[in-house]
Amino acid sequence: MSEQPVSADDLHTVSQQAAVWEQAIHRAEHGETVPVIAHGEHVADVVPSGELDRLRETIDVLSDSDLVRDLRTGLADAHAGRVVTADQIAADLAARRTTGE
């Protein structure tokens, strides 16, 4: 996250607003999350769209209690020295999506 938030409190003209939002968008395009401050409170973040996609995917995974249980089992397997490839994991996830598990 950026150390330089966008402050809505400092914007007095439309041209100032446009310039600040343009800068926030430019920073997000370059992978930076930009906090938005209004009335001294952190109210939002401008995030790169790829980051938002990753967050949504994480929420989907963590919302699936069966999948979380399986991931924990997979971690136990890894700690026990059993190896599972990324291709095997991807295939298992794809199978889950098509069968609705």
C-alpha atoms as a PDB file:
ATOM      1  CA  MET A   1       0.000   0.000   0.000  1.00  0.00           C
ATOM      2  CA  SER A   2       1.113   3.503  -0.716  1.00  0.00           C
ATOM      3  CA  GLU A   3       2.378   5.811   1.970  1.00  0.00           C
ATOM      4  CA  GLN A   4       0.812   8.711   0.077  1.00  0.00           C
ATOM      5  CA  PRO A   5      -2.981   8.616   0.414  1.00  0.00           C
ATOM      6  CA  VAL A   6      -5.383  10.554  -1.746  1.00  0.00           C
ATOM      7  CA  SER A   7      -7.189  13.052   0.462  1.00  0.00           C
ATOM      8  CA  ALA A   8     -10.637  14.110  -0.652  1.00  0.00           C
ATOM      9  CA  ASP A   9     -10.506  16.932   1.916  1.00  0.00           C
ATOM     10  CA  ASP A  10      -7.862  18.842  -0.035  1.00  0.00           C
ATOM     11  CA  LEU A  11      -9.812  18.979  -3.266  1.00  0.00           C
ATOM     12  CA  HIS A  12     -11.497  22.288  -3.924  1.00  0.00           C
ATOM     13  CA  THR A  13     -11.924  22.490  -7.676  1.00  0.00           C
ATOM     14  CA  VAL A  14     -12.957  20.046 -10.340  1.00  0.00           C
ATOM     15  CA  SER A  15      -9.552  20.368 -11.981  1.00  0.00           C
ATOM     16  CA  GLN A  16      -7.819  19.497  -8.692  1.00  0.00           C
ATOM     17  CA  GLN A  17     -10.124  16.498  -8.264  1.00  0.00           C
ATOM     18  CA  ALA A  18      -9.428  15.295 -11.785  1.00  0.00           C
ATOM     19  CA  ALA A  19      -5.665  15.642 -11.349  1.00  0.00           C
ATOM     20  CA  VAL A  20      -5.621  13.760  -8.037  1.00  0.00           C
ATOM     21  CA  TRP A  21      -7.824  10.927  -9.315  1.00  0.00           C
ATOM     22  CA  GLU A  22      -5.725  10.704 -12.481  1.00  0.00           C
ATOM     23  CA  GLN A  23      -2.633  10.313 -10.307  1.00  0.00           C
ATOM     24  CA  ALA A  24      -4.337   7.640  -8.153  1.00  0.00           C
ATOM     25  CA  ILE A  25      -5.364   5.717 -11.264  1.00  0.00           C
ATOM     26  CA  HIS A  26      -1.860   5.977 -12.709  1.00  0.00           C
ATOM     27  CA  ARG A  27      -0.404   4.613  -9.467  1.00  0.00           C
ATOM     28  CA  ALA A  28      -2.921   1.739  -9.446  1.00  0.00           C
ATOM     29  CA  GLU A  29      -2.051   0.933 -13.058  1.00  0.00           C
ATOM     30  CA  HIS A  30       1.514   0.464 -11.851  1.00  0.00           C
ATOM     31  CA  GLY A  31       0.526  -1.995  -9.138  1.00  0.00           C
ATOM     32  CA  GLU A  32       0.120   0.340  -6.189  1.00  0.00           C
ATOM     33  CA  THR A  33      -2.831   0.353  -3.791  1.00  0.00           C
ATOM     34  CA  VAL A  34      -3.747   3.950  -3.005  1.00  0.00           C
ATOM     35  CA  PRO A  35      -5.708   4.735   0.176  1.00  0.00           C
ATOM     36  CA  VAL A  36      -8.455   7.367  -0.045  1.00  0.00           C
ATOM     37  CA  ILE A  37      -8.890   9.614   2.992  1.00  0.00           C
ATOM     38  CA  ALA A  38     -12.043  11.707   3.566  1.00  0.00           C
ATOM     39  CA  HIS A  39     -12.622  13.848   6.643  1.00  0.00           C
ATOM     40  CA  GLY A  40      -9.535  12.310   8.229  1.00  0.00           C
ATOM     41  CA  GLU A  41     -10.836   8.731   7.812  1.00  0.00           C
ATOM     42  CA  HIS A  42      -9.567   5.974   5.538  1.00  0.00           C
ATOM     43  CA  VAL A  43     -12.731   5.347   3.492  1.00  0.00           C
ATOM     44  CA  ALA A  44     -11.591   3.392   0.444  1.00  0.00           C
ATOM     45  CA  ASP A  45      -8.698   2.105  -1.624  1.00  0.00           C
ATOM     46  CA  VAL A  46      -7.942   2.385  -5.318  1.00  0.00           C
ATOM     47  CA  VAL A  47      -6.502  -1.013  -6.171  1.00  0.00           C
ATOM     48  CA  PRO A  48      -5.109  -2.562  -9.342  1.00  0.00           C
ATOM     49  CA  SER A  49      -7.845  -4.647 -10.991  1.00  0.00           C
ATOM     50  CA  GLY A  50      -5.646  -7.749 -10.886  1.00  0.00           C
ATOM     51  CA  GLU A  51      -5.393  -7.389  -7.113  1.00  0.00           C
ATOM     52  CA  LEU A  52      -9.153  -7.156  -6.826  1.00  0.00           C
ATOM     53  CA  ASP A  53      -9.507 -10.339  -8.907  1.00  0.00           C
ATOM     54  CA  ARG A  54      -7.047 -12.130  -6.592  1.00  0.00           C
ATOM     55  CA  LEU A  55      -8.968 -10.954  -3.520  1.00  0.00           C
ATOM     56  CA  ARG A  56     -12.265 -12.194  -4.981  1.00  0.00           C
ATOM     57  CA  GLU A  57     -10.699 -15.561  -5.755  1.00  0.00           C
ATOM     58  CA  THR A  58      -9.339 -15.783  -2.201  1.00  0.00           C
ATOM     59  CA  ILE A  59     -12.803 -15.028  -0.817  1.00  0.00           C
ATOM     60  CA  ASP A  60     -14.292 -17.747  -3.040  1.00  0.00           C
ATOM     61  CA  VAL A  61     -11.738 -20.298  -1.845  1.00  0.00           C
ATOM     62  CA  LEU A  62     -12.099 -19.405   1.828  1.00  0.00           C
ATOM     63  CA  SER A  63     -15.903 -19.540   1.521  1.00  0.00           C
ATOM     64  CA  ASP A  64     -15.716 -23.195   0.468  1.00  0.00           C
ATOM     65  CA  SER A  65     -15.315 -25.093   3.752  1.00  0.00           C
ATOM     66  CA  ASP A  66     -14.715 -28.422   1.956  1.00  0.00           C
ATOM     67  CA  LEU A  67     -11.938 -26.897  -0.105  1.00  0.00           C
ATOM     68  CA  VAL A  68     -10.346 -25.305   2.958  1.00  0.00           C
ATOM     69  CA  ARG A  69     -10.430 -28.697   4.690  1.00  0.00           C
ATOM     70  CA  ASP A  70      -8.804 -30.296   1.646  1.00  0.00           C
ATOM     71  CA  LEU A  71      -6.140 -27.583   1.558  1.00  0.00           C
ATOM     72  CA  ARG A  72      -5.347 -28.271   5.203  1.00  0.00           C
ATOM     73  CA  THR A  73      -5.086 -31.988   4.388  1.00  0.00           C
ATOM     74  CA  GLY A  74      -2.756 -31.084   1.518  1.00  0.00           C
ATOM     75  CA  LEU A  75      -0.565 -29.106   3.904  1.00  0.00           C
ATOM     76  CA  ALA A  76      -0.417 -32.106   6.217  1.00  0.00           C
ATOM     77  CA  ASP A  77       0.602 -34.243   3.232  1.00  0.00           C
ATOM     78  CA  ALA A  78       3.345 -31.768   2.349  1.00  0.00           C
ATOM     79  CA  HIS A  79       4.631 -31.746   5.913  1.00  0.00           C
ATOM     80  CA  ALA A  80       4.650 -35.547   5.821  1.00  0.00           C
ATOM     81  CA  GLY A  81       6.854 -35.435   2.736  1.00  0.00           C
ATOM     82  CA  ARG A  82       4.214 -36.388   0.150  1.00  0.00           C
ATOM     83  CA  VAL A  83       4.500 -34.318  -3.013  1.00  0.00           C
ATOM     84  CA  VAL A  84       1.552 -32.995  -5.015  1.00  0.00           C
ATOM     85  CA  THR A  85       2.225 -31.052  -8.190  1.00  0.00           C
ATOM     86  CA  ALA A  86       0.586 -27.758  -9.105  1.00  0.00           C
ATOM     87  CA  ASP A  87      -0.931 -29.525 -12.127  1.00  0.00           C
ATOM     88  CA  GLN A  88      -2.596 -32.055  -9.829  1.00  0.00           C
ATOM     89  CA  ILE A  89      -4.005 -29.290  -7.665  1.00  0.00           C
ATOM     90  CA  ALA A  90      -5.265 -27.362 -10.707  1.00  0.00           C
ATOM     91  CA  ALA A  91      -6.906 -30.489 -12.096  1.00  0.00           C
ATOM     92  CA  ASP A  92      -8.605 -31.147  -8.757  1.00  0.00           C
ATOM     93  CA  LEU A  93      -9.895 -27.561  -8.582  1.00  0.00           C
ATOM     94  CA  ALA A  94     -11.147 -27.732 -12.177  1.00  0.00           C
ATOM     95  CA  ALA A  95     -12.944 -31.009 -11.420  1.00  0.00           C
ATOM     96  CA  ARG A  96     -14.607 -29.395  -8.407  1.00  0.00           C
ATOM     97  CA  ARG A  97     -15.887 -26.515 -10.504  1.00  0.00           C
ATOM     98  CA  THR A  98     -17.404 -28.797 -13.147  1.00  0.00           C
ATOM     99  CA  THR A  99     -19.006 -31.230 -10.678  1.00  0.00           C
ATOM    100  CA  GLY A 100     -20.148 -28.539  -8.251  1.00  0.00           C
ATOM    101  CA  GLU A 101     -18.378 -30.085  -5.240  1.00  0.00           C
END
